[in-house]
Amino acid sequence: MHIGKRIKEIVEKSRITNKELADRVGTSENNIYKIYNKEHISTDVLLKISNALNIEIHSFFDSEGSDHKSGVVQQSVSGGSRNVQVVGTYQDCMNELIAAHQVIIAEKEKNSRLQQEIIEMLKERKK
């Protein structure tokens, strides 16, 4: 599955303009056209698009005649990159997306703890 083509298909069925979608997602209309040509997309962008269209994220992977056996979603984590292969059933896809987001959450929690420690150290220095 080509994720960009699937997004375009859903947008066309939703009958909103590319400009309206761009405004809802917080990007330019030109970037929307670029997304339509991508075979890979970050989960963050995919979530923004699903929210803008008021649909569940699985809708991008669930279509008539779809066997859910191809497509790639790319997720960036703290400057690195984690590729999430969408392979198998819808449940497999969702499990991969959940795993990617758990990595992101763990990284953000770690960063938050470190920031809190720095704040506490700075407070101690002020005393």
Protein backbone atom coordinates (compact mmCIF):
# COMPACT_ATOMS: atom_id res chain seq x y z
CA MET A 1 0.00 0.00 0.00
CA HIS A 2 1.22 3.48 -0.88
CA ILE A 3 0.25 5.54 2.17
CA GLY A 4 0.24 8.86 0.30
CA LYS A 5 -2.16 7.56 -2.33
CA ARG A 6 -4.41 6.15 0.40
CA ILE A 7 -4.45 9.49 2.20
CA LYS A 8 -5.33 11.27 -1.05
CA GLU A 9 -8.13 8.78 -1.70
CA ILE A 10 -9.62 9.37 1.74
CA VAL A 11 -9.30 13.16 1.42
CA GLU A 12 -11.08 13.10 -1.93
CA LYS A 13 -13.90 11.01 -0.46
CA SER A 14 -14.19 13.39 2.49
CA ARG A 15 -14.83 16.28 0.11
CA ILE A 16 -12.61 18.77 1.89
CA THR A 17 -10.14 20.85 -0.05
CA ASN A 18 -6.41 20.38 0.19
CA LYS A 19 -6.18 23.92 1.54
CA GLU A 20 -8.67 23.10 4.31
CA LEU A 21 -6.77 19.92 5.17
CA ALA A 22 -3.50 21.86 5.24
CA ASP A 23 -5.02 24.40 7.62
CA ARG A 24 -6.35 21.67 9.91
CA VAL A 25 -3.02 19.83 9.94
CA GLY A 26 -1.01 23.02 10.39
CA THR A 27 1.01 22.82 7.21
CA SER A 28 1.00 24.24 3.70
CA GLU A 29 -1.10 23.03 0.81
CA ASN A 30 2.16 22.29 -1.00
CA ASN A 31 3.17 19.90 1.81
CA ILE A 32 -0.16 18.10 1.46
CA TYR A 33 0.64 17.42 -2.20
CA LYS A 34 4.09 16.14 -1.15
CA ILE A 35 2.44 13.79 1.36
CA TYR A 36 0.31 12.30 -1.42
CA ASN A 37 3.51 11.24 -3.19
CA LYS A 38 5.11 9.60 -0.17
CA GLU A 39 5.29 5.88 0.42
CA HIS A 40 6.45 6.53 3.99
CA ILE A 41 5.05 8.96 6.53
CA SER A 42 5.67 9.74 10.18
CA THR A 43 3.03 8.56 12.60
CA ASP A 44 2.83 12.09 13.96
CA VAL A 45 1.76 13.42 10.56
CA LEU A 46 -0.58 10.48 10.06
CA LEU A 47 -2.23 11.18 13.42
CA LYS A 48 -2.62 14.87 12.57
CA ILE A 49 -4.25 13.95 9.27
CA SER A 50 -6.59 11.42 10.88
CA ASN A 51 -7.59 14.04 13.47
CA ALA A 52 -8.10 16.67 10.76
CA LEU A 53 -10.33 14.27 8.82
CA ASN A 54 -12.06 13.11 12.02
CA ILE A 55 -11.35 9.45 11.25
CA GLU A 56 -9.58 6.62 13.04
CA ILE A 57 -5.96 6.03 12.06
CA HIS A 58 -6.74 2.47 10.98
CA SER A 59 -8.81 3.90 8.12
CA PHE A 60 -5.58 4.52 6.23
CA PHE A 61 -4.84 0.80 6.31
CA ASP A 62 -8.37 -0.50 5.98
CA SER A 63 -9.94 -0.38 2.52
CA GLU A 64 -12.06 -2.58 0.36
CA GLY A 65 -9.90 -5.31 -1.08
CA SER A 66 -6.98 -4.38 1.13
CA ASP A 67 -5.06 -7.30 2.59
CA HIS A 68 -3.09 -5.12 5.04
CA LYS A 69 0.17 -6.65 3.89
CA SER A 70 2.23 -3.70 2.78
CA GLY A 71 3.15 -0.11 3.52
CA VAL A 72 5.62 1.60 5.78
CA VAL A 73 5.10 4.15 8.48
CA GLN A 74 8.20 5.95 9.68
CA GLN A 75 8.47 7.35 13.19
CA SER A 76 11.26 9.62 14.38
CA VAL A 77 12.37 9.23 17.97
CA SER A 78 14.82 11.68 19.58
CA GLY A 79 16.76 12.40 16.42
CA GLY A 80 16.87 8.72 15.52
CA SER A 81 14.47 6.88 13.32
CA ARG A 82 12.39 3.82 13.95
CA ASN A 83 10.74 2.18 10.96
CA VAL A 84 7.43 0.53 11.66
CA GLN A 85 6.59 -2.08 9.08
CA VAL A 86 2.89 -2.44 8.49
CA VAL A 87 2.70 -6.15 7.80
CA GLY A 88 -0.08 -8.62 8.45
CA THR A 89 -3.45 -7.85 9.94
CA TYR A 90 -4.88 -4.60 11.19
CA GLN A 91 -4.04 -5.74 14.72
CA ASP A 92 -0.39 -6.25 13.74
CA CYS A 93 -0.33 -2.75 12.32
CA MET A 94 -1.78 -1.22 15.46
CA ASN A 95 0.60 -3.20 17.67
CA GLU A 96 3.56 -1.81 15.71
CA LEU A 97 2.23 1.74 16.01
CA ILE A 98 1.66 1.28 19.74
CA ALA A 99 5.19 -0.02 20.18
CA ALA A 100 6.58 3.00 18.32
CA HIS A 101 4.61 5.35 20.52
CA GLN A 102 5.72 3.54 23.67
CA VAL A 103 9.32 4.24 22.65
CA ILE A 104 8.47 7.91 22.16
CA ILE A 105 6.69 8.08 25.52
CA ALA A 106 9.62 6.44 27.30
CA GLU A 107 12.05 8.93 25.71
CA LYS A 108 9.85 11.88 26.67
CA GLU A 109 9.47 10.60 30.23
CA LYS A 110 13.24 10.21 30.48
CA ASN A 111 13.77 13.74 29.16
CA SER A 112 11.18 15.07 31.58
CA ARG A 113 12.91 13.39 34.54
CA LEU A 114 16.26 14.82 33.45
CA GLN A 115 14.78 18.29 33.10
CA GLN A 116 13.25 18.01 36.56
CA GLU A 117 16.61 16.97 38.00
CA ILE A 118 18.28 19.97 36.37
CA ILE A 119 15.62 22.29 37.76
CA GLU A 120 16.14 20.85 41.25
CA MET A 121 19.93 21.24 40.95
CA LEU A 122 19.53 24.87 39.86
CA LYS A 123 17.18 25.56 42.76
CA GLU A 124 19.75 24.10 45.17
CA ARG A 125 22.49 26.32 43.71
CA LYS A 126 20.35 29.42 44.23
CA LYS A 127 20.08 28.66 47.97
